[in-house]
Protein backbone atom coordinates (compact mmCIF):
# COMPACT_ATOMS: atom_id res chain seq x y z
CA UNK A 1 -114.98 -38.74 -32.83
CA UNK A 2 -118.50 -40.21 -32.98
CA UNK A 3 -121.26 -38.14 -31.44
CA UNK A 4 -122.06 -40.74 -28.75
CA UNK A 5 -118.47 -40.87 -27.49
CA UNK A 6 -117.80 -38.70 -24.42
CA UNK A 7 -115.36 -35.85 -24.85
CA UNK A 8 -111.81 -36.66 -23.87
CA UNK A 9 -112.52 -40.40 -23.55
CA UNK A 10 -109.30 -41.41 -25.28
CA UNK A 11 -107.19 -39.94 -22.50
CA UNK A 12 -109.18 -41.43 -19.63
CA UNK A 13 -107.89 -44.48 -17.75
CA UNK A 14 -109.90 -47.69 -17.90
CA UNK A 15 -112.71 -47.73 -15.38
CA UNK A 16 -114.53 -50.80 -14.08
CA UNK A 17 -117.97 -50.84 -12.52
CA UNK A 18 -119.11 -53.26 -9.82
CA UNK A 19 -121.99 -53.81 -7.40
CA UNK A 20 -122.39 -55.65 -4.10
CA UNK A 21 -122.40 -59.04 -5.88
CA UNK A 22 -119.11 -58.60 -7.75
CA UNK A 23 -116.51 -61.14 -6.54
CA UNK A 24 -113.70 -59.63 -4.51
CA UNK A 25 -111.03 -61.31 -6.64
CA UNK A 26 -112.37 -59.52 -9.73
CA UNK A 27 -112.07 -56.12 -8.05
CA UNK A 28 -108.63 -56.99 -6.67
CA UNK A 29 -107.23 -58.07 -10.04
CA UNK A 30 -108.63 -55.05 -11.87
CA UNK A 31 -107.15 -52.66 -9.31
CA UNK A 32 -103.84 -54.45 -9.45
CA UNK A 33 -103.81 -54.03 -13.25
CA UNK A 34 -104.10 -50.27 -12.85
CA UNK A 35 -107.83 -49.90 -13.49
CA UNK A 36 -109.95 -47.36 -11.63
CA UNK A 37 -113.22 -48.20 -9.92
CA UNK A 38 -116.30 -46.31 -11.12
CA UNK A 39 -117.73 -43.81 -8.68
CA UNK A 40 -121.31 -42.88 -9.56
CA UNK A 41 -121.10 -39.85 -7.28
CA UNK A 42 -118.09 -38.40 -9.08
CA UNK A 43 -118.34 -39.69 -12.66
CA UNK A 44 -120.83 -39.55 -15.49
CA UNK A 45 -123.05 -42.59 -15.91
CA UNK A 46 -121.27 -43.63 -19.14
CA UNK A 47 -117.71 -43.20 -17.86
CA UNK A 48 -116.85 -46.88 -17.41
CA UNK A 49 -115.39 -49.60 -19.64
CA UNK A 50 -116.24 -52.88 -17.90
CA UNK A 51 -119.26 -53.74 -15.76
CA UNK A 52 -118.86 -57.06 -13.91
CA UNK A 53 -121.55 -58.39 -11.61
CA UNK A 54 -123.03 -61.75 -10.60
CA UNK A 55 -126.62 -61.13 -11.74
CA UNK A 56 -127.77 -60.80 -15.33
CA UNK A 57 -128.37 -57.54 -17.18
CA UNK A 58 -131.72 -56.40 -18.54
CA UNK A 59 -132.09 -56.19 -22.32
CA UNK A 60 -132.43 -52.41 -21.95
CA UNK A 61 -128.96 -52.36 -20.36
CA UNK A 62 -127.57 -54.39 -23.26
CA UNK A 63 -129.19 -52.15 -25.85
CA UNK A 64 -127.82 -48.99 -24.23
CA UNK A 65 -124.22 -50.19 -23.87
CA UNK A 66 -121.68 -47.92 -25.56
CA UNK A 67 -118.94 -49.05 -28.00
CA UNK A 68 -116.25 -48.64 -25.34
CA UNK A 69 -118.14 -50.67 -22.70
CA UNK A 70 -118.21 -54.41 -21.90
CA UNK A 71 -120.74 -56.40 -19.84
CA UNK A 72 -119.86 -59.76 -18.30
CA UNK A 73 -123.11 -61.47 -19.29
CA UNK A 74 -124.88 -62.28 -22.53
CA UNK A 75 -128.69 -62.15 -22.50
CA UNK A 76 -130.56 -65.45 -22.42
CA UNK A 77 -127.76 -67.71 -21.18
CA UNK A 78 -129.68 -68.94 -18.11
CA UNK A 79 -131.30 -71.37 -20.57
CA UNK A 80 -128.00 -73.22 -20.28
CA UNK A 81 -127.44 -72.87 -16.55
CA UNK A 82 -130.88 -73.69 -15.14
CA UNK A 83 -130.86 -77.49 -14.79
CA UNK A 84 -134.35 -78.20 -16.13
CA UNK A 85 -133.87 -75.88 -19.10
CA UNK A 86 -130.49 -77.45 -19.91
CA UNK A 87 -132.06 -80.93 -19.85
CA UNK A 88 -134.84 -79.83 -22.23
CA UNK A 89 -132.44 -78.20 -24.68
CA UNK A 90 -130.07 -81.19 -24.75
CA UNK A 91 -132.98 -83.57 -25.23
CA UNK A 92 -134.22 -81.47 -28.14
CA UNK A 93 -130.75 -81.53 -29.71
CA UNK A 94 -130.67 -85.30 -29.34
CA UNK A 95 -133.99 -85.62 -31.17
CA UNK A 96 -132.79 -83.28 -33.93
CA UNK A 97 -129.28 -84.60 -34.51
CA UNK A 98 -129.16 -88.08 -32.98
CA UNK A 99 -129.40 -89.25 -29.38
CA UNK A 100 -125.99 -90.94 -29.56
CA UNK A 101 -124.38 -87.53 -30.06
CA UNK A 102 -125.79 -86.25 -26.77
CA UNK A 103 -125.15 -89.26 -24.57
CA UNK A 104 -122.80 -87.27 -22.36
CA UNK A 105 -125.60 -86.54 -19.88
CA UNK A 106 -127.32 -89.20 -17.76
CA UNK A 107 -131.01 -89.98 -18.49
CA UNK A 108 -132.86 -86.98 -17.04
CA UNK A 109 -136.47 -86.34 -16.02
CA UNK A 110 -137.83 -82.85 -15.36
CA UNK A 111 -140.22 -82.69 -12.43
CA UNK A 112 -143.13 -82.40 -12.19
CA UNK A 113 -143.76 -82.64 -15.97
CA UNK A 114 -141.90 -85.97 -16.39
CA UNK A 115 -143.12 -87.58 -13.17
CA UNK A 116 -145.22 -90.24 -14.94
CA UNK A 117 -142.38 -91.08 -17.32
CA UNK A 118 -139.93 -91.40 -14.46
CA UNK A 119 -142.24 -93.70 -12.47
CA UNK A 120 -142.73 -95.90 -15.53
CA UNK A 121 -138.95 -96.07 -16.12
CA UNK A 122 -138.24 -96.83 -12.48
CA UNK A 123 -140.71 -99.69 -12.12
CA UNK A 124 -140.00 -101.15 -15.55
CA UNK A 125 -136.37 -101.52 -14.51
CA UNK A 126 -137.44 -103.09 -11.20
CA UNK A 127 -139.61 -105.63 -12.96
CA UNK A 128 -137.02 -106.61 -15.55
CA UNK A 129 -135.37 -109.88 -14.61
CA UNK A 130 -131.63 -109.57 -14.12
CA UNK A 131 -131.63 -105.79 -14.54
CA UNK A 132 -129.27 -103.87 -12.32
CA UNK A 133 -131.19 -101.45 -10.15
CA UNK A 134 -130.12 -97.86 -10.74
CA UNK A 135 -129.29 -95.17 -8.24
CA UNK A 136 -130.94 -91.78 -8.76
CA UNK A 137 -130.08 -88.21 -7.88
CA UNK A 138 -132.69 -85.48 -7.44
CA UNK A 139 -131.58 -81.83 -7.76
CA UNK A 140 -133.45 -78.50 -7.46
CA UNK A 141 -133.62 -76.93 -10.93
CA UNK A 142 -132.35 -73.54 -9.84
CA UNK A 143 -130.27 -74.22 -6.74
CA UNK A 144 -126.48 -74.37 -6.43
CA UNK A 145 -123.70 -75.41 -4.03
CA UNK A 146 -125.23 -78.86 -3.49
CA UNK A 147 -128.28 -77.53 -1.69
CA UNK A 148 -131.40 -79.70 -1.69
CA UNK A 149 -129.80 -82.71 -3.40
CA UNK A 150 -131.17 -86.19 -2.68
CA UNK A 151 -129.62 -89.51 -3.75
CA UNK A 152 -131.85 -92.57 -3.55
CA UNK A 153 -132.36 -96.11 -4.81
CA UNK A 154 -135.73 -96.92 -3.28
CA UNK A 155 -138.73 -95.05 -4.70
CA UNK A 156 -140.17 -94.51 -1.23
CA UNK A 157 -137.24 -92.17 -0.51
CA UNK A 158 -138.04 -89.97 -3.52
CA UNK A 159 -139.43 -86.61 -2.41
CA UNK A 160 -139.67 -83.31 -4.29
CA UNK A 161 -141.78 -80.21 -3.80
CA UNK A 162 -140.81 -77.81 -6.59
CA UNK A 163 -139.05 -77.67 -9.95
CA UNK A 164 -136.51 -80.51 -9.81
CA UNK A 165 -134.66 -82.81 -12.15
CA UNK A 166 -134.07 -86.52 -11.52
CA UNK A 167 -131.09 -88.20 -13.17
CA UNK A 168 -129.54 -91.62 -13.08
CA UNK A 169 -126.73 -91.34 -10.57
CA UNK A 170 -123.31 -92.16 -12.01
CA UNK A 171 -122.40 -94.96 -9.64
CA UNK A 172 -119.01 -95.78 -11.18
CA UNK A 173 -117.02 -92.54 -10.91
CA UNK A 174 -113.26 -92.54 -11.36
CA UNK A 175 -111.92 -92.66 -7.81
CA UNK A 176 -108.59 -91.31 -6.60
CA UNK A 177 -107.58 -92.94 -3.34
CA UNK A 178 -111.22 -94.02 -3.01
CA UNK A 179 -112.56 -90.45 -3.29
CA UNK A 180 -115.01 -89.13 -5.86
CA UNK A 181 -114.23 -85.94 -7.78
CA UNK A 182 -115.46 -83.77 -10.62
CA UNK A 183 -113.84 -81.15 -12.85
CA UNK A 184 -114.69 -77.47 -12.99
CA UNK A 185 -113.97 -76.39 -16.56
CA UNK A 186 -114.04 -72.65 -17.27
CA UNK A 187 -115.50 -71.61 -20.62
CA UNK A 188 -115.74 -68.08 -21.99
CA UNK A 189 -118.08 -67.23 -24.85
CA UNK A 190 -117.05 -63.90 -26.32
CA UNK A 191 -119.89 -63.86 -28.85
CA UNK A 192 -122.87 -65.88 -30.05
CA UNK A 193 -123.19 -64.15 -33.43
CA UNK A 194 -120.75 -65.39 -34.64
CA UNK A 195 -120.30 -68.10 -32.04
CA UNK A 196 -116.86 -67.87 -30.43
CA UNK A 197 -115.91 -70.25 -27.61
CA UNK A 198 -112.74 -70.33 -25.52
CA UNK A 199 -111.90 -73.07 -23.01
CA UNK A 200 -109.56 -72.40 -20.12
CA UNK A 201 -106.81 -74.98 -19.91
CA UNK A 202 -106.41 -74.73 -16.16
CA UNK A 203 -109.24 -75.37 -13.74
CA UNK A 204 -110.25 -77.09 -10.54
CA UNK A 205 -110.77 -80.69 -9.48
CA UNK A 206 -113.14 -80.87 -6.53
CA UNK A 207 -113.08 -83.88 -4.24
CA UNK A 208 -115.50 -85.39 -1.79
CA UNK A 209 -113.85 -85.65 1.62
CA UNK A 210 -115.14 -89.09 2.62
CA UNK A 211 -114.55 -92.27 0.64
CA UNK A 212 -117.18 -93.15 -1.95
CA UNK A 213 -119.75 -95.54 -0.49
CA UNK A 214 -122.93 -96.64 -2.25
CA UNK A 215 -124.01 -98.26 1.00
CA UNK A 216 -124.52 -94.84 2.59
CA UNK A 217 -126.32 -92.54 0.16
CA UNK A 218 -127.06 -89.99 2.88
CA UNK A 219 -123.39 -89.06 3.38
CA UNK A 220 -123.01 -85.82 1.42
CA UNK A 221 -119.28 -85.76 2.15
CA UNK A 222 -118.88 -89.02 0.19
CA UNK A 223 -121.18 -88.27 -2.75
CA UNK A 224 -121.14 -84.50 -3.32
CA UNK A 225 -118.03 -82.69 -4.52
CA UNK A 226 -119.21 -79.13 -3.85
CA UNK A 227 -116.45 -77.39 -1.91
CA UNK A 228 -119.06 -75.31 -0.07
CA UNK A 229 -120.13 -78.58 1.57
CA UNK A 230 -116.82 -80.39 1.92
CA UNK A 231 -114.85 -77.55 3.48
CA UNK A 232 -117.00 -78.03 6.61
CA UNK A 233 -116.36 -81.79 6.78
CA UNK A 234 -114.26 -83.33 9.54
CA UNK A 235 -111.84 -84.81 6.99
CA UNK A 236 -111.26 -81.59 5.07
CA UNK A 237 -107.96 -80.78 6.78
CA UNK A 238 -106.75 -84.37 7.06
CA UNK A 239 -104.25 -86.00 4.71
CA UNK A 240 -106.49 -88.22 2.57
CA UNK A 241 -105.13 -91.18 0.64
CA UNK A 242 -104.17 -90.07 -2.86
CA UNK A 243 -105.75 -86.64 -2.41
CA UNK A 244 -103.88 -84.97 0.44
CA UNK A 245 -105.16 -81.96 2.38
CA UNK A 246 -108.33 -80.07 1.52
CA UNK A 247 -110.67 -80.94 -1.33
CA UNK A 248 -109.20 -79.34 -4.47
CA UNK A 249 -106.51 -79.95 -7.05
CA UNK A 250 -105.62 -77.95 -10.09
CA UNK A 251 -106.73 -79.45 -13.38
CA UNK A 252 -103.10 -79.74 -14.50
CA UNK A 253 -102.30 -81.83 -11.42
CA UNK A 254 -105.23 -84.14 -12.23
CA UNK A 255 -104.02 -84.67 -15.80
CA UNK A 256 -100.49 -85.30 -14.54
CA UNK A 257 -101.97 -87.94 -12.25
CA UNK A 258 -103.75 -89.60 -15.18
CA UNK A 259 -100.57 -89.60 -17.25
CA UNK A 260 -98.75 -91.32 -14.40
CA UNK A 261 -101.14 -94.25 -15.03
CA UNK A 262 -100.52 -94.04 -18.79
CA UNK A 263 -103.94 -92.58 -19.60
CA UNK A 264 -104.36 -90.78 -22.94
CA UNK A 265 -105.14 -87.42 -21.38
CA UNK A 266 -105.26 -85.60 -24.72
CA UNK A 267 -108.08 -87.78 -25.99
CA UNK A 268 -109.99 -87.16 -22.77
CA UNK A 269 -109.43 -83.40 -23.12
CA UNK A 270 -110.72 -83.48 -26.71
CA UNK A 271 -113.85 -85.29 -25.54
CA UNK A 272 -114.40 -82.59 -22.91
CA UNK A 273 -114.03 -79.88 -25.55
CA UNK A 274 -116.60 -81.69 -27.68
CA UNK A 275 -119.04 -81.77 -24.75
CA UNK A 276 -118.58 -78.02 -24.29
CA UNK A 277 -119.22 -77.20 -27.96
CA UNK A 278 -122.27 -79.47 -28.27
CA UNK A 279 -123.75 -78.06 -25.06
CA UNK A 280 -123.39 -74.42 -26.09
CA UNK A 281 -124.79 -75.22 -29.54
CA UNK A 282 -128.02 -76.24 -27.79
CA UNK A 283 -128.84 -72.62 -26.96
CA UNK A 284 -126.67 -70.59 -29.33
CA UNK A 285 -129.29 -70.05 -32.09
CA UNK A 286 -131.81 -68.65 -29.59
CA UNK A 287 -129.51 -66.22 -27.75
CA UNK A 288 -130.48 -62.63 -28.64
CA UNK A 289 -127.80 -60.55 -30.29
CA UNK A 290 -126.03 -58.19 -27.93
CA UNK A 291 -122.78 -56.37 -28.63
CA UNK A 292 -119.85 -55.92 -26.26
CA UNK A 293 -120.44 -58.71 -23.80
CA UNK A 294 -118.92 -62.02 -22.78
CA UNK A 295 -119.94 -64.92 -20.54
CA UNK A 296 -117.88 -67.03 -18.18
CA UNK A 297 -119.44 -70.45 -17.59
CA UNK A 298 -118.40 -73.15 -15.13
CA UNK A 299 -118.91 -76.61 -16.68
CA UNK A 300 -119.01 -79.42 -14.12
CA UNK A 301 -117.71 -82.64 -15.68
CA UNK A 302 -117.51 -86.04 -13.97
CA UNK A 303 -115.12 -88.68 -15.31
CA UNK A 304 -116.24 -92.28 -14.79
CA UNK A 305 -114.03 -95.34 -14.37
CA UNK A 306 -114.20 -95.94 -18.15
CA UNK A 307 -112.77 -92.44 -18.71
CA UNK A 308 -116.01 -91.12 -20.15
CA UNK A 309 -116.77 -87.44 -19.39
CA UNK A 310 -120.31 -86.73 -18.16
CA UNK A 311 -121.81 -83.25 -18.09
CA UNK A 312 -123.39 -82.68 -14.67
CA UNK A 313 -124.40 -79.02 -15.01
CA UNK A 314 -123.36 -75.61 -16.29
CA UNK A 315 -122.91 -72.79 -13.77
CA UNK A 316 -123.82 -69.15 -14.27
CA UNK A 317 -121.35 -66.76 -12.63
CA UNK A 318 -119.22 -69.67 -11.32
CA UNK A 319 -117.94 -69.14 -7.79
CA UNK A 320 -114.79 -67.01 -7.60
CA UNK A 321 -114.27 -67.14 -3.85
CA UNK A 322 -110.73 -67.86 -2.68
CA UNK A 323 -111.11 -70.58 -0.06
CA UNK A 324 -107.68 -72.20 -0.43
CA UNK A 325 -104.30 -71.81 -2.11
CA UNK A 326 -105.54 -73.77 -5.16
CA UNK A 327 -108.36 -71.26 -5.62
CA UNK A 328 -105.87 -68.40 -5.46
CA UNK A 329 -103.57 -70.05 -8.00
CA UNK A 330 -106.33 -70.77 -10.51
CA UNK A 331 -108.90 -68.01 -10.11
CA UNK A 332 -106.64 -64.97 -9.93
CA UNK A 333 -104.92 -65.88 -13.16
CA UNK A 334 -108.31 -66.77 -14.65
CA UNK A 335 -109.47 -63.18 -14.14
CA UNK A 336 -106.20 -61.79 -15.53
CA UNK A 337 -106.64 -63.95 -18.63
CA UNK A 338 -110.29 -62.98 -19.08
CA UNK A 339 -109.25 -59.34 -19.20
CA UNK A 340 -106.60 -60.17 -21.80
CA UNK A 341 -109.17 -62.20 -23.74
CA UNK A 342 -111.64 -59.31 -23.83
CA UNK A 343 -108.97 -57.06 -25.38
CA UNK A 344 -107.93 -59.76 -27.83
CA UNK A 345 -111.54 -60.20 -28.93
CA UNK A 346 -111.94 -56.43 -29.16
CA UNK A 347 -108.97 -56.25 -31.53
CA UNK A 348 -110.59 -58.87 -33.75
CA UNK A 349 -113.71 -56.71 -33.89
CA UNK A 350 -111.50 -53.69 -34.61
CA UNK A 351 -110.42 -55.26 -37.89
CA UNK A 352 -114.03 -55.77 -38.94
CA UNK A 353 -116.23 -53.02 -37.58
CA UNK A 354 -114.50 -49.65 -37.93
CA UNK A 355 -113.66 -46.81 -35.63
CA UNK A 356 -116.90 -46.48 -33.66
CA UNK A 357 -116.64 -49.99 -32.27
CA UNK A 358 -113.00 -49.56 -31.37
CA UNK A 359 -113.28 -46.65 -29.02
CA UNK A 360 -112.68 -48.92 -26.05
CA UNK A 361 -109.59 -50.41 -27.66
CA UNK A 362 -108.09 -46.99 -28.30
CA UNK A 363 -108.80 -46.19 -24.69
CA UNK A 364 -107.15 -49.43 -23.63
CA UNK A 365 -104.06 -48.77 -25.69
CA UNK A 366 -103.73 -45.22 -24.45
CA UNK A 367 -103.97 -46.37 -20.88
CA UNK A 368 -101.40 -49.11 -21.37
CA UNK A 369 -98.97 -46.69 -22.96
CA UNK A 370 -99.34 -44.61 -19.81
CA UNK A 371 -98.40 -47.69 -17.78
CA UNK A 372 -95.29 -48.27 -19.86
CA UNK A 373 -96.24 -50.49 -22.78
CA UNK A 374 -98.87 -52.72 -24.30
CA UNK A 375 -99.59 -56.30 -23.31
CA UNK A 376 -98.26 -58.77 -25.85
CA UNK A 377 -101.76 -59.94 -26.76
CA UNK A 378 -102.81 -56.40 -27.69
CA UNK A 379 -100.33 -56.46 -30.58
CA UNK A 380 -102.03 -59.41 -32.29
CA UNK A 381 -103.27 -58.63 -35.80
CA UNK A 382 -106.68 -59.99 -36.74
CA UNK A 383 -105.10 -62.02 -39.54
CA UNK A 384 -103.23 -64.15 -37.02
CA UNK A 385 -106.57 -65.33 -35.63
CA UNK A 386 -108.15 -66.34 -38.92
CA UNK A 387 -108.10 -69.97 -39.98
CA UNK A 388 -105.77 -70.05 -42.93
CA UNK A 389 -104.40 -73.13 -44.60
CA UNK A 390 -100.98 -72.74 -43.05
CA UNK A 391 -99.32 -75.51 -41.07
CA UNK A 392 -98.47 -74.73 -37.47
CA UNK A 393 -95.34 -76.15 -35.91
CA UNK A 394 -94.65 -76.78 -32.25
CA UNK A 395 -92.19 -73.86 -32.27
CA UNK A 396 -94.68 -71.50 -33.91
CA UNK A 397 -97.10 -69.42 -31.86
CA UNK A 398 -99.17 -66.30 -32.21
CA UNK A 399 -97.88 -65.17 -28.83
CA UNK A 400 -94.27 -65.32 -30.02
CA UNK A 401 -95.20 -63.25 -33.06
CA UNK A 402 -96.80 -60.70 -30.77
CA UNK A 403 -93.74 -60.54 -28.54
CA UNK A 404 -91.53 -59.99 -31.57
CA UNK A 405 -93.78 -57.08 -32.53
CA UNK A 406 -93.71 -55.64 -29.01
CA UNK A 407 -90.53 -56.97 -27.39
CA UNK A 408 -90.84 -54.61 -24.44
CA UNK A 409 -94.31 -55.92 -23.53
CA UNK A 410 -94.77 -57.64 -20.20
CA UNK A 411 -98.07 -59.57 -19.98
CA UNK A 412 -100.11 -58.61 -16.94
CA UNK A 413 -100.61 -62.27 -16.17
CA UNK A 414 -96.97 -62.37 -15.10
CA UNK A 415 -98.14 -60.66 -11.93
CA UNK A 416 -99.21 -64.13 -10.90
CA UNK A 417 -96.77 -66.74 -9.68
CA UNK A 418 -96.37 -69.21 -12.51
CA UNK A 419 -96.48 -72.86 -11.57
CA UNK A 420 -94.83 -75.23 -13.96
CA UNK A 421 -96.21 -78.58 -15.02
CA UNK A 422 -93.21 -80.23 -13.45
CA UNK A 423 -94.12 -78.66 -10.11
CA UNK A 424 -97.67 -79.91 -10.51
CA UNK A 425 -96.34 -83.39 -11.19
CA UNK A 426 -94.21 -83.32 -8.05
CA UNK A 427 -97.25 -82.29 -6.06
CA UNK A 428 -99.21 -85.24 -7.36
CA UNK A 429 -96.42 -87.71 -6.60
CA UNK A 430 -95.75 -86.54 -3.06
CA UNK A 431 -98.95 -88.20 -1.95
CA UNK A 432 -98.85 -91.35 -4.02
CA UNK A 433 -101.99 -93.47 -3.62
CA UNK A 434 -101.50 -96.82 -1.98
CA UNK A 435 -103.64 -98.57 -4.55
CA UNK A 436 -103.86 -98.01 -8.29
CA UNK A 437 -107.07 -96.28 -9.42
CA UNK A 438 -109.58 -98.29 -11.36
CA UNK A 439 -108.48 -97.20 -14.83
CA UNK A 440 -108.73 -99.16 -18.02
CA UNK A 441 -106.06 -98.67 -20.63
CA UNK A 442 -108.42 -98.35 -23.55
CA UNK A 443 -106.25 -96.08 -25.70
CA UNK A 444 -102.77 -96.56 -27.02
CA UNK A 445 -100.54 -93.65 -25.99
CA UNK A 446 -99.24 -91.53 -28.85
CA UNK A 447 -95.58 -92.03 -29.61
CA UNK A 448 -94.92 -88.29 -29.49
CA UNK A 449 -97.62 -86.88 -27.29
CA UNK A 450 -97.55 -83.34 -25.97
CA UNK A 451 -98.27 -83.67 -22.24
CA UNK A 452 -100.95 -81.57 -20.57
CA UNK A 453 -98.24 -80.25 -18.31
CA UNK A 454 -98.09 -76.64 -17.22
CA UNK A 455 -101.03 -74.61 -18.41
CA UNK A 456 -99.21 -71.36 -17.72
CA UNK A 457 -97.67 -70.45 -21.06
CA UNK A 458 -94.19 -69.03 -21.31
CA UNK A 459 -94.30 -65.95 -23.52
CA UNK A 460 -90.70 -66.56 -24.42
CA UNK A 461 -91.92 -69.60 -26.31
CA UNK A 462 -89.98 -72.06 -24.17
CA UNK A 463 -93.02 -73.83 -22.76
CA UNK A 464 -94.96 -75.87 -25.29
CA UNK A 465 -96.85 -78.34 -23.17
CA UNK A 466 -100.55 -77.48 -23.35
CA UNK A 467 -102.96 -79.69 -25.29
CA UNK A 468 -103.88 -78.65 -28.80
CA UNK A 469 -107.07 -76.91 -29.75
CA UNK A 470 -109.69 -79.27 -31.18
CA UNK A 471 -108.66 -78.75 -34.79
CA UNK A 472 -108.31 -80.63 -38.03
CA UNK A 473 -105.16 -78.79 -39.09
CA UNK A 474 -101.99 -80.83 -39.27
CA UNK A 475 -100.88 -79.11 -36.11
CA UNK A 476 -103.09 -76.99 -33.89
CA UNK A 477 -103.00 -73.18 -34.17
CA UNK A 478 -101.92 -71.38 -31.04
CA UNK A 479 -104.96 -69.07 -30.85
CA UNK A 480 -105.16 -68.04 -27.24
CA UNK A 481 -105.14 -65.38 -24.57
CA UNK A 482 -103.24 -66.57 -21.54
CA UNK A 483 -104.64 -70.01 -20.77
CA UNK A 484 -107.78 -69.46 -22.85
CA UNK A 485 -107.70 -71.40 -26.10
CA UNK A 486 -110.14 -71.00 -28.97
CA UNK A 487 -112.11 -74.23 -29.49
CA UNK A 488 -114.86 -72.86 -31.74
CA UNK A 489 -114.72 -72.21 -34.62
CA UNK A 490 -112.13 -74.92 -35.08
CA UNK A 491 -111.75 -74.94 -38.88
CA UNK A 492 -112.75 -72.91 -41.92
CA UNK A 493 -116.01 -74.83 -42.36
CA UNK A 494 -117.24 -74.09 -38.84
CA UNK A 495 -116.09 -70.48 -39.18
CA UNK A 496 -118.28 -70.16 -42.27
CA UNK A 497 -121.16 -72.02 -40.63
CA UNK A 498 -121.27 -69.50 -37.79
CA UNK A 499 -120.65 -66.32 -39.73
CA UNK A 500 -124.12 -65.57 -41.19
CA UNK A 501 -126.55 -67.21 -38.82
CA UNK A 502 -125.67 -70.52 -37.20
CA UNK A 503 -125.78 -73.64 -39.36
CA UNK A 504 -125.92 -76.15 -36.50
CA UNK A 505 -126.33 -79.15 -38.78
CA UNK A 506 -123.15 -78.34 -40.67
CA UNK A 507 -121.25 -77.65 -37.45
CA UNK A 508 -122.27 -80.99 -35.95
CA UNK A 509 -121.28 -82.74 -39.16
CA UNK A 510 -117.82 -81.16 -38.90
CA UNK A 511 -117.57 -82.21 -35.24
CA UNK A 512 -118.45 -85.79 -36.12
CA UNK A 513 -115.91 -85.85 -38.94
CA UNK A 514 -113.23 -84.55 -36.63
CA UNK A 515 -113.95 -86.99 -33.83
CA UNK A 516 -114.11 -89.91 -36.28
CA UNK A 517 -110.72 -88.82 -37.56
CA UNK A 518 -109.35 -88.72 -34.01
CA UNK A 519 -110.66 -92.20 -33.22
CA UNK A 520 -109.30 -93.66 -36.45
CA UNK A 521 -105.87 -92.25 -35.60
């Protein structure tokens, strides 16, 4: 046993550490999985395995983390989640690799530095004959939950008093029953060196609770989709055309809705994955190395009436409050799957880094044996995660291989009630909109297209309905933990480009090749 490993650690149960900011659902799920909560009065300062809190960790905390410990934040990731910093990084990437590549964000001005540029843009548009006058949205750089947001068209209504960003307001959102919505996409980065990105296949769709109306820009309930705002609206509990009660759907229900109008949902999902990868690439080279940590991001994506995904912002410590049954369905399983993902990633490191780095995994395995068996994901060999030249079939999955290795295993995520894609589809058809949404059939549906369907995977291998990983293999590898699917690296070239340093130019070239291939098909 290494000198810095506490005596008897292998026999200790897993212990999680929290503070006053840790979401209640995180504590609840960890307790339900048989973990113990750290007690600083009774236990040594190093006797914990996972520390989860809302705020970031100091670099000194990262540098002192032990091999058996995990932190739920990487250092330096607020460069992605602070709105003005995100805008600067994406603009820099556009200059370096082509503005057309980064046209998934609206034109953005950082205040007060870009005030003169914004004024020039605004009045040039006003003076151009026949030009359509834009709407604008002004957001505090560091605020959240829709606080301090202003939407305007007339310059005299533009007011700011601190660090803000001003963007062109997307005035043609895809409407369902006349209501605006956006998507909350959960993304987990398990490492920046090498870069490893997982996208969660389930998520939330957040609706405004009043019908979209450009004639009334002051109505937050019509223009803002933040649930913290809309749950206090008078229409929140009413049955709304096309939407129903409340202000949230699951992501799977939204994609079922799109398929009911013959939309190519897989192409849209691939575009969203591309936005995620390109956005994280903007900060990845500058993130300091830190071992044993992960980061859960909340990407807010708006889909316009032309089915183009727009990145609105990236959230640090995305809200995990359980305000409705949809929250419970999505977020509880999300936490279960993050825990599984951490162990899966740890096993990959186990194959590369030797015994000192695997202390936590040995501890995990010992604890799970005490509970009556390992989770299926914990049986995955590292080789099954590497990008080999093999062809993957629809009936072939890493999870099935793991179950065959450990047939007695019962994934902890089965503690959650599983909702099938068919059930989601029935939900979306119970409240059929009276009028068809403004969708344009721009893509020919694939003849044999795997539907988005249920994003809760059957470990018996019977459910094969989730969209493929963005991949250039003949058929996508099933590299996942629960509903988390690996989207980067997505082929051998990008794996190599992220292994020793980060070759962003090569990665972007591979992304462009892949997307060109998709469009040609």
